[in-house]
Amino acid sequence: MARFDYWKIEQNELYHVKGIFTQDERYPVGSLRIKKEIPDVFEYFILKAGSMTIDTGKGEEFHLRTVINVEDKIDKLNRLLSRTQVEIDELD
């Protein structure tokens, strides 16, 4: 049986899903910090790979090793998390 373990980042929440029938963990992105590291220069030149450390701001850190195209992923995350969208409902 395959085990699922993935991360999903949206504008307001960070999801960490472990397994098929388990509950996912959710973290707000208000105090989220992302740190990029290049531990292996050879992997970076071949795959543009590096590692990312996600700090939730609540004392929890998650280390993601060997993230392919790490520069592109960091740029996309910065663009996604820097936007704020507000909807105003009109009162009748």
PDB file of N, CA and C in Angstrom:
ATOM      1  N   MET A   1       0.842  -1.183   0.000  1.00  0.00           N
ATOM      2  CA  MET A   1       0.000   0.000   0.000  1.00  0.00           C
ATOM      3  C   MET A   1       0.878   1.234   0.000  1.00  0.00           C
ATOM      4  N   ALA A   2       0.614   2.142  -0.887  1.00  0.00           N
ATOM      5  CA  ALA A   2       1.405   3.366  -0.984  1.00  0.00           C
ATOM      6  C   ALA A   2       1.009   4.341   0.113  1.00  0.00           C
ATOM      7  N   ARG A   3       1.971   5.074   0.579  1.00  0.00           N
ATOM      8  CA  ARG A   3       1.706   6.052   1.625  1.00  0.00           C
ATOM      9  C   ARG A   3       1.777   7.443   1.024  1.00  0.00           C
ATOM     10  N   PHE A   4       0.755   8.233   1.258  1.00  0.00           N
ATOM     11  CA  PHE A   4       0.711   9.599   0.772  1.00  0.00           C
ATOM     12  C   PHE A   4       1.285  10.529   1.837  1.00  0.00           C
ATOM     13  N   ASP A   5       2.136  11.433   1.414  1.00  0.00           N
ATOM     14  CA  ASP A   5       2.701  12.434   2.310  1.00  0.00           C
ATOM     15  C   ASP A   5       3.022  13.646   1.451  1.00  0.00           C
ATOM     16  N   TYR A   6       2.128  14.635   1.476  1.00  0.00           N
ATOM     17  CA  TYR A   6       2.352  15.794   0.631  1.00  0.00           C
ATOM     18  C   TYR A   6       1.898  17.068   1.324  1.00  0.00           C
ATOM     19  N   TRP A   7       2.361  18.190   0.778  1.00  0.00           N
ATOM     20  CA  TRP A   7       2.039  19.521   1.288  1.00  0.00           C
ATOM     21  C   TRP A   7       1.256  20.270   0.238  1.00  0.00           C
ATOM     22  N   LYS A   8       0.309  21.072   0.684  1.00  0.00           N
ATOM     23  CA  LYS A   8      -0.470  21.919  -0.213  1.00  0.00           C
ATOM     24  C   LYS A   8      -0.543  23.297   0.424  1.00  0.00           C
ATOM     25  N   ILE A   9      -0.134  24.311  -0.316  1.00  0.00           N
ATOM     26  CA  ILE A   9      -0.126  25.673   0.209  1.00  0.00           C
ATOM     27  C   ILE A   9      -1.121  26.508  -0.570  1.00  0.00           C
ATOM     28  N   GLU A  10      -2.034  27.124   0.148  1.00  0.00           N
ATOM     29  CA  GLU A  10      -3.011  28.034  -0.439  1.00  0.00           C
ATOM     30  C   GLU A  10      -2.794  29.414   0.160  1.00  0.00           C
ATOM     31  N   GLN A  11      -3.605  30.383  -0.256  1.00  0.00           N
ATOM     32  CA  GLN A  11      -3.398  31.756   0.187  1.00  0.00           C
ATOM     33  C   GLN A  11      -3.570  31.936   1.684  1.00  0.00           C
ATOM     34  N   ASN A  12      -4.394  31.128   2.322  1.00  0.00           N
ATOM     35  CA  ASN A  12      -4.640  31.351   3.744  1.00  0.00           C
ATOM     36  C   ASN A  12      -4.274  30.175   4.641  1.00  0.00           C
ATOM     37  N   GLU A  13      -3.948  29.009   4.067  1.00  0.00           N
ATOM     38  CA  GLU A  13      -3.639  27.836   4.877  1.00  0.00           C
ATOM     39  C   GLU A  13      -2.567  26.971   4.242  1.00  0.00           C
ATOM     40  N   LEU A  14      -1.871  26.267   5.101  1.00  0.00           N
ATOM     41  CA  LEU A  14      -0.883  25.280   4.705  1.00  0.00           C
ATOM     42  C   LEU A  14      -1.411  23.926   5.162  1.00  0.00           C
ATOM     43  N   TYR A  15      -1.557  22.970   4.235  1.00  0.00           N
ATOM     44  CA  TYR A  15      -2.070  21.650   4.543  1.00  0.00           C
ATOM     45  C   TYR A  15      -0.927  20.640   4.482  1.00  0.00           C
ATOM     46  N   HIS A  16      -0.898  19.735   5.450  1.00  0.00           N
ATOM     47  CA  HIS A  16       0.032  18.619   5.414  1.00  0.00           C
ATOM     48  C   HIS A  16      -0.789  17.350   5.538  1.00  0.00           C
ATOM     49  N   VAL A  17      -0.798  16.559   4.478  1.00  0.00           N
ATOM     50  CA  VAL A  17      -1.596  15.339   4.431  1.00  0.00           C
ATOM     51  C   VAL A  17      -0.650  14.147   4.542  1.00  0.00           C
ATOM     52  N   LYS A  18      -0.933  13.271   5.505  1.00  0.00           N
ATOM     53  CA  LYS A  18      -0.133  12.066   5.714  1.00  0.00           C
ATOM     54  C   LYS A  18      -1.056  10.858   5.653  1.00  0.00           C
ATOM     55  N   GLY A  19      -0.977  10.072   4.606  1.00  0.00           N
ATOM     56  CA  GLY A  19      -1.771   8.864   4.487  1.00  0.00           C
ATOM     57  C   GLY A  19      -3.098   9.095   3.804  1.00  0.00           C
ATOM     58  N   ILE A  20      -3.776   7.994   3.508  1.00  0.00           N
ATOM     59  CA  ILE A  20      -5.038   8.070   2.778  1.00  0.00           C
ATOM     60  C   ILE A  20      -6.200   8.408   3.708  1.00  0.00           C
ATOM     61  N   PHE A  21      -6.308   7.736   4.833  1.00  0.00           N
ATOM     62  CA  PHE A  21      -7.465   7.879   5.708  1.00  0.00           C
ATOM     63  C   PHE A  21      -7.172   8.673   6.984  1.00  0.00           C
ATOM     64  N   THR A  22      -6.075   9.397   7.000  1.00  0.00           N
ATOM     65  CA  THR A  22      -5.744  10.177   8.191  1.00  0.00           C
ATOM     66  C   THR A  22      -6.208  11.609   8.020  1.00  0.00           C
ATOM     67  N   GLN A  23      -6.304  12.294   9.132  1.00  0.00           N
ATOM     68  CA  GLN A  23      -6.681  13.703   9.068  1.00  0.00           C
ATOM     69  C   GLN A  23      -5.476  14.527   8.648  1.00  0.00           C
ATOM     70  N   ASP A  24      -5.761  15.602   7.955  1.00  0.00           N
ATOM     71  CA  ASP A  24      -4.679  16.485   7.555  1.00  0.00           C
ATOM     72  C   ASP A  24      -4.447  17.545   8.624  1.00  0.00           C
ATOM     73  N   GLU A  25      -3.234  18.062   8.648  1.00  0.00           N
ATOM     74  CA  GLU A  25      -2.888  19.127   9.576  1.00  0.00           C
ATOM     75  C   GLU A  25      -2.980  20.447   8.826  1.00  0.00           C
ATOM     76  N   ARG A  26      -3.526  21.455   9.463  1.00  0.00           N
ATOM     77  CA  ARG A  26      -3.690  22.766   8.842  1.00  0.00           C
ATOM     78  C   ARG A  26      -2.977  23.812   9.684  1.00  0.00           C
ATOM     79  N   TYR A  27      -2.305  24.714   8.993  1.00  0.00           N
ATOM     80  CA  TYR A  27      -1.585  25.795   9.655  1.00  0.00           C
ATOM     81  C   TYR A  27      -1.926  27.106   8.953  1.00  0.00           C
ATOM     82  N   PRO A  28      -2.155  28.180   9.694  1.00  0.00           N
ATOM     83  CA  PRO A  28      -2.382  29.480   9.040  1.00  0.00           C
ATOM     84  C   PRO A  28      -1.066  29.998   8.461  1.00  0.00           C
ATOM     85  N   VAL A  29      -1.157  30.751   7.373  1.00  0.00           N
ATOM     86  CA  VAL A  29       0.058  31.248   6.719  1.00  0.00           C
ATOM     87  C   VAL A  29       0.429  32.660   7.162  1.00  0.00           C
ATOM     88  N   GLY A  30      -0.261  33.222   8.145  1.00  0.00           N
ATOM     89  CA  GLY A  30       0.030  34.572   8.603  1.00  0.00           C
ATOM     90  C   GLY A  30       1.436  34.736   9.129  1.00  0.00           C
ATOM     91  N   SER A  31       1.939  33.748   9.845  1.00  0.00           N
ATOM     92  CA  SER A  31       3.288  33.834  10.400  1.00  0.00           C
ATOM     93  C   SER A  31       4.224  32.793   9.799  1.00  0.00           C
ATOM     94  N   LEU A  32       3.912  32.334   8.598  1.00  0.00           N
ATOM     95  CA  LEU A  32       4.696  31.301   7.927  1.00  0.00           C
ATOM     96  C   LEU A  32       6.023  31.861   7.439  1.00  0.00           C
ATOM     97  N   ARG A  33       7.104  31.118   7.669  1.00  0.00           N
ATOM     98  CA  ARG A  33       8.433  31.487   7.188  1.00  0.00           C
ATOM     99  C   ARG A  33       8.984  30.325   6.379  1.00  0.00           C
ATOM    100  N   ILE A  34       9.588  30.649   5.234  1.00  0.00           N
ATOM    101  CA  ILE A  34      10.172  29.624   4.372  1.00  0.00           C
ATOM    102  C   ILE A  34      11.634  29.957   4.163  1.00  0.00           C
ATOM    103  N   LYS A  35      12.492  28.966   4.395  1.00  0.00           N
ATOM    104  CA  LYS A  35      13.930  29.152   4.252  1.00  0.00           C
ATOM    105  C   LYS A  35      14.452  28.157   3.229  1.00  0.00           C
ATOM    106  N   LYS A  36      15.290  28.633   2.310  1.00  0.00           N
ATOM    107  CA  LYS A  36      15.849  27.793   1.255  1.00  0.00           C
ATOM    108  C   LYS A  36      17.312  27.523   1.554  1.00  0.00           C
ATOM    109  N   GLU A  37      17.745  26.287   1.291  1.00  0.00           N
ATOM    110  CA  GLU A  37      19.137  25.909   1.448  1.00  0.00           C
ATOM    111  C   GLU A  37      19.578  25.100   0.238  1.00  0.00           C
ATOM    112  N   ILE A  38      20.858  25.220  -0.110  1.00  0.00           N
ATOM    113  CA  ILE A  38      21.445  24.423  -1.184  1.00  0.00           C
ATOM    114  C   ILE A  38      22.541  23.558  -0.551  1.00  0.00           C
ATOM    115  N   PRO A  39      22.193  22.375  -0.016  1.00  0.00           N
ATOM    116  CA  PRO A  39      23.194  21.555   0.669  1.00  0.00           C
ATOM    117  C   PRO A  39      24.128  20.801  -0.282  1.00  0.00           C
ATOM    118  N   ASP A  40      23.662  20.488  -1.482  1.00  0.00           N
ATOM    119  CA  ASP A  40      24.463  19.722  -2.434  1.00  0.00           C
ATOM    120  C   ASP A  40      24.549  20.496  -3.739  1.00  0.00           C
ATOM    121  N   VAL A  41      25.737  21.003  -4.050  1.00  0.00           N
ATOM    122  CA  VAL A  41      25.924  21.828  -5.249  1.00  0.00           C
ATOM    123  C   VAL A  41      25.715  21.003  -6.512  1.00  0.00           C
ATOM    124  N   PHE A  42      26.105  19.738  -6.508  1.00  0.00           N
ATOM    125  CA  PHE A  42      25.937  18.879  -7.675  1.00  0.00           C
ATOM    126  C   PHE A  42      24.451  18.708  -8.009  1.00  0.00           C
ATOM    127  N   GLU A  43      23.609  18.445  -6.996  1.00  0.00           N
ATOM    128  CA  GLU A  43      22.162  18.332  -7.226  1.00  0.00           C
ATOM    129  C   GLU A  43      21.584  19.638  -7.748  1.00  0.00           C
ATOM    130  N   TYR A  44      22.108  20.755  -7.262  1.00  0.00           N
ATOM    131  CA  TYR A  44      21.589  22.044  -7.705  1.00  0.00           C
ATOM    132  C   TYR A  44      21.922  22.283  -9.173  1.00  0.00           C
ATOM    133  N   PHE A  45      23.127  21.947  -9.611  1.00  0.00           N
ATOM    134  CA  PHE A  45      23.493  22.160 -11.012  1.00  0.00           C
ATOM    135  C   PHE A  45      22.750  21.220 -11.951  1.00  0.00           C
ATOM    136  N   ILE A  46      22.477  20.002 -11.522  1.00  0.00           N
ATOM    137  CA  ILE A  46      21.800  19.027 -12.378  1.00  0.00           C
ATOM    138  C   ILE A  46      20.279  19.220 -12.366  1.00  0.00           C
ATOM    139  N   LEU A  47      19.673  19.304 -11.184  1.00  0.00           N
ATOM    140  CA  LEU A  47      18.220  19.332 -11.052  1.00  0.00           C
ATOM    141  C   LEU A  47      17.653  20.657 -10.553  1.00  0.00           C
ATOM    142  N   LYS A  48      18.536  21.635 -10.272  1.00  0.00           N
ATOM    143  CA  LYS A  48      18.125  22.889  -9.629  1.00  0.00           C
ATOM    144  C   LYS A  48      17.442  22.582  -8.290  1.00  0.00           C
ATOM    145  N   ALA A  49      17.914  21.523  -7.613  1.00  0.00           N
ATOM    146  CA  ALA A  49      17.277  21.048  -6.383  1.00  0.00           C
ATOM    147  C   ALA A  49      17.951  21.641  -5.154  1.00  0.00           C
ATOM    148  N   GLY A  50      17.169  21.806  -4.135  1.00  0.00           N
ATOM    149  CA  GLY A  50      17.638  22.275  -2.839  1.00  0.00           C
ATOM    150  C   GLY A  50      16.669  21.801  -1.781  1.00  0.00           C
ATOM    151  N   SER A  51      16.802  22.318  -0.594  1.00  0.00           N
ATOM    152  CA  SER A  51      15.880  21.943   0.473  1.00  0.00           C
ATOM    153  C   SER A  51      15.178  23.185   0.999  1.00  0.00           C
ATOM    154  N   MET A  52      13.986  22.982   1.545  1.00  0.00           N
ATOM    155  CA  MET A  52      13.199  24.073   2.106  1.00  0.00           C
ATOM    156  C   MET A  52      12.849  23.728   3.550  1.00  0.00           C
ATOM    157  N   THR A  53      12.896  24.729   4.403  1.00  0.00           N
ATOM    158  CA  THR A  53      12.456  24.579   5.786  1.00  0.00           C
ATOM    159  C   THR A  53      11.255  25.481   5.986  1.00  0.00           C
ATOM    160  N   ILE A  54      10.145  24.904   6.405  1.00  0.00           N
ATOM    161  CA  ILE A  54       8.914  25.652   6.636  1.00  0.00           C
ATOM    162  C   ILE A  54       8.735  25.813   8.137  1.00  0.00           C
ATOM    163  N   ASP A  55       8.692  27.054   8.593  1.00  0.00           N
ATOM    164  CA  ASP A  55       8.466  27.367  10.002  1.00  0.00           C
ATOM    165  C   ASP A  55       7.049  27.921  10.127  1.00  0.00           C
ATOM    166  N   THR A  56       6.226  27.269  10.926  1.00  0.00           N
ATOM    167  CA  THR A  56       4.821  27.667  11.040  1.00  0.00           C
ATOM    168  C   THR A  56       4.620  28.863  11.955  1.00  0.00           C
ATOM    169  N   GLY A  57       5.641  29.271  12.687  1.00  0.00           N
ATOM    170  CA  GLY A  57       5.505  30.383  13.608  1.00  0.00           C
ATOM    171  C   GLY A  57       4.976  29.961  14.965  1.00  0.00           C
ATOM    172  N   LYS A  58       4.679  28.691  15.128  1.00  0.00           N
ATOM    173  CA  LYS A  58       4.171  28.167  16.397  1.00  0.00           C
ATOM    174  C   LYS A  58       5.149  27.160  16.994  1.00  0.00           C
ATOM    175  N   GLY A  59       6.412  27.296  16.627  1.00  0.00           N
ATOM    176  CA  GLY A  59       7.430  26.398  17.170  1.00  0.00           C
ATOM    177  C   GLY A  59       7.608  25.111  16.403  1.00  0.00           C
ATOM    178  N   GLU A  60       6.900  24.932  15.315  1.00  0.00           N
ATOM    179  CA  GLU A  60       7.036  23.721  14.511  1.00  0.00           C
ATOM    180  C   GLU A  60       7.783  24.039  13.225  1.00  0.00           C
ATOM    181  N   GLU A  61       8.765  23.211  12.903  1.00  0.00           N
ATOM    182  CA  GLU A  61       9.513  23.352  11.655  1.00  0.00           C
ATOM    183  C   GLU A  61       9.435  22.037  10.897  1.00  0.00           C
ATOM    184  N   PHE A  62       9.293  22.157   9.581  1.00  0.00           N
ATOM    185  CA  PHE A  62       9.262  20.990   8.716  1.00  0.00           C
ATOM    186  C   PHE A  62      10.349  21.159   7.668  1.00  0.00           C
ATOM    187  N   HIS A  63      11.149  20.127   7.486  1.00  0.00           N
ATOM    188  CA  HIS A  63      12.258  20.187   6.546  1.00  0.00           C
ATOM    189  C   HIS A  63      11.925  19.324   5.328  1.00  0.00           C
ATOM    190  N   LEU A  64      11.865  19.942   4.153  1.00  0.00           N
ATOM    191  CA  LEU A  64      11.594  19.228   2.903  1.00  0.00           C
ATOM    192  C   LEU A  64      12.909  19.090   2.147  1.00  0.00           C
ATOM    193  N   ARG A  65      13.354  17.869   1.976  1.00  0.00           N
ATOM    194  CA  ARG A  65      14.626  17.622   1.305  1.00  0.00           C
ATOM    195  C   ARG A  65      14.417  17.399  -0.186  1.00  0.00           C
ATOM    196  N   THR A  66      15.392  17.751  -0.967  1.00  0.00           N
ATOM    197  CA  THR A  66      15.448  17.537  -2.415  1.00  0.00           C
ATOM    198  C   THR A  66      14.182  18.022  -3.110  1.00  0.00           C
ATOM    199  N   VAL A  67      13.968  19.317  -3.071  1.00  0.00           N
ATOM    200  CA  VAL A  67      12.869  19.958  -3.783  1.00  0.00           C
ATOM    201  C   VAL A  67      13.402  20.378  -5.150  1.00  0.00           C
ATOM    202  N   ILE A  68      12.892  19.779  -6.209  1.00  0.00           N
ATOM    203  CA  ILE A  68      13.354  20.078  -7.564  1.00  0.00           C
ATOM    204  C   ILE A  68      12.850  21.456  -7.972  1.00  0.00           C
ATOM    205  N   ASN A  69      13.685  22.233  -8.668  1.00  0.00           N
ATOM    206  CA  ASN A  69      13.398  23.615  -9.060  1.00  0.00           C
ATOM    207  C   ASN A  69      13.041  24.465  -7.838  1.00  0.00           C
ATOM    208  N   VAL A  70      13.886  24.423  -6.852  1.00  0.00           N
ATOM    209  CA  VAL A  70      13.598  25.087  -5.578  1.00  0.00           C
ATOM    210  C   VAL A  70      13.454  26.597  -5.742  1.00  0.00           C
ATOM    211  N   GLU A  71      14.241  27.209  -6.625  1.00  0.00           N
ATOM    212  CA  GLU A  71      14.130  28.664  -6.841  1.00  0.00           C
ATOM    213  C   GLU A  71      12.747  29.025  -7.386  1.00  0.00           C
ATOM    214  N   ASP A  72      12.269  28.247  -8.356  1.00  0.00           N
ATOM    215  CA  ASP A  72      10.961  28.491  -8.953  1.00  0.00           C
ATOM    216  C   ASP A  72       9.847  28.301  -7.925  1.00  0.00           C
ATOM    217  N   LYS A  73       9.963  27.276  -7.096  1.00  0.00           N
ATOM    218  CA  LYS A  73       8.955  27.021  -6.064  1.00  0.00           C
ATOM    219  C   LYS A  73       8.909  28.159  -5.042  1.00  0.00           C
ATOM    220  N   ILE A  74      10.067  28.667  -4.640  1.00  0.00           N
ATOM    221  CA  ILE A  74      10.119  29.780  -3.685  1.00  0.00           C
ATOM    222  C   ILE A  74       9.488  31.026  -4.289  1.00  0.00           C
ATOM    223  N   ASP A  75       9.780  31.317  -5.566  1.00  0.00           N
ATOM    224  CA  ASP A  75       9.182  32.486  -6.230  1.00  0.00           C
ATOM    225  C   ASP A  75       7.659  32.368  -6.304  1.00  0.00           C
ATOM    226  N   LYS A  76       7.157  31.190  -6.662  1.00  0.00           N
ATOM    227  CA  LYS A  76       5.707  30.987  -6.735  1.00  0.00           C
ATOM    228  C   LYS A  76       5.055  31.121  -5.362  1.00  0.00           C
ATOM    229  N   LEU A  77       5.703  30.577  -4.333  1.00  0.00           N
ATOM    230  CA  LEU A  77       5.163  30.706  -2.980  1.00  0.00           C
ATOM    231  C   LEU A  77       5.146  32.155  -2.526  1.00  0.00           C
ATOM    232  N   ASN A  78       6.190  32.906  -2.820  1.00  0.00           N
ATOM    233  CA  ASN A  78       6.219  34.318  -2.445  1.00  0.00           C
ATOM    234  C   ASN A  78       5.113  35.103  -3.138  1.00  0.00           C
ATOM    235  N   ARG A  79       4.871  34.823  -4.423  1.00  0.00           N
ATOM    236  CA  ARG A  79       3.787  35.507  -5.134  1.00  0.00           C
ATOM    237  C   ARG A  79       2.424  35.121  -4.577  1.00  0.00           C
ATOM    238  N   LEU A  80       2.232  33.850  -4.274  1.00  0.00           N
ATOM    239  CA  LEU A  80       0.954  33.386  -3.739  1.00  0.00           C
ATOM    240  C   LEU A  80       0.677  33.959  -2.357  1.00  0.00           C
ATOM    241  N   LEU A  81       1.665  33.939  -1.487  1.00  0.00           N
ATOM    242  CA  LEU A  81       1.456  34.365  -0.104  1.00  0.00           C
ATOM    243  C   LEU A  81       1.486  35.874   0.077  1.00  0.00           C
ATOM    244  N   SER A  82       1.949  36.616  -0.925  1.00  0.00           N
ATOM    245  CA  SER A  82       2.010  38.071  -0.773  1.00  0.00           C
ATOM    246  C   SER A  82       0.709  38.760  -1.178  1.00  0.00           C
ATOM    247  N   ARG A  83      -0.210  38.037  -1.767  1.00  0.00           N
ATOM    248  CA  ARG A  83      -1.489  38.628  -2.179  1.00  0.00           C
ATOM    249  C   ARG A  83      -2.515  38.513  -1.066  1.00  0.00           C
ATOM    250  N   THR A  84      -3.298  39.546  -0.939  1.00  0.00           N
ATOM    251  CA  THR A  84      -4.416  39.535  -0.001  1.00  0.00           C
ATOM    252  C   THR A  84      -5.667  39.921  -0.765  1.00  0.00           C
ATOM    253  N   GLN A  85      -6.715  39.153  -0.610  1.00  0.00           N
ATOM    254  CA  GLN A  85      -7.952  39.412  -1.327  1.00  0.00           C
ATOM    255  C   GLN A  85      -9.065  39.596  -0.301  1.00  0.00           C
ATOM    256  N   VAL A  86      -9.823  40.664  -0.460  1.00  0.00           N
ATOM    257  CA  VAL A  86     -10.904  40.983   0.460  1.00  0.00           C
ATOM    258  C   VAL A  86     -12.184  41.122  -0.344  1.00  0.00           C
ATOM    259  N   GLU A  87     -13.237  40.469   0.121  1.00  0.00           N
ATOM    260  CA  GLU A  87     -14.546  40.618  -0.513  1.00  0.00           C
ATOM    261  C   GLU A  87     -15.455  41.360   0.441  1.00  0.00           C
ATOM    262  N   ILE A  88     -16.167  42.344  -0.078  1.00  0.00           N
ATOM    263  CA  ILE A  88     -17.074  43.155   0.740  1.00  0.00           C
ATOM    264  C   ILE A  88     -18.507  42.815   0.346  1.00  0.00           C
ATOM    265  N   ASP A  89     -19.264  42.394   1.322  1.00  0.00           N
ATOM    266  CA  ASP A  89     -20.681  42.124   1.094  1.00  0.00           C
ATOM    267  C   ASP A  89     -21.462  43.394   1.333  1.00  0.00           C
ATOM    268  N   GLU A  90     -22.384  43.677   0.425  1.00  0.00           N
ATOM    269  CA  GLU A  90     -23.220  44.868   0.590  1.00  0.00           C
ATOM    270  C   GLU A  90     -24.385  44.556   1.518  1.00  0.00           C
ATOM    271  N   LEU A  91     -24.689  45.475   2.385  1.00  0.00           N
ATOM    272  CA  LEU A  91     -25.819  45.312   3.284  1.00  0.00           C
ATOM    273  C   LEU A  91     -27.093  45.780   2.588  1.00  0.00           C
ATOM    274  N   ASP A  92     -28.142  45.004   2.697  1.00  0.00           N
ATOM    275  CA  ASP A  92     -29.410  45.382   2.047  1.00  0.00           C
ATOM    276  C   ASP A  92     -30.289  46.138   2.994  1.00  0.00           C
TER     277      ASP A  92
END
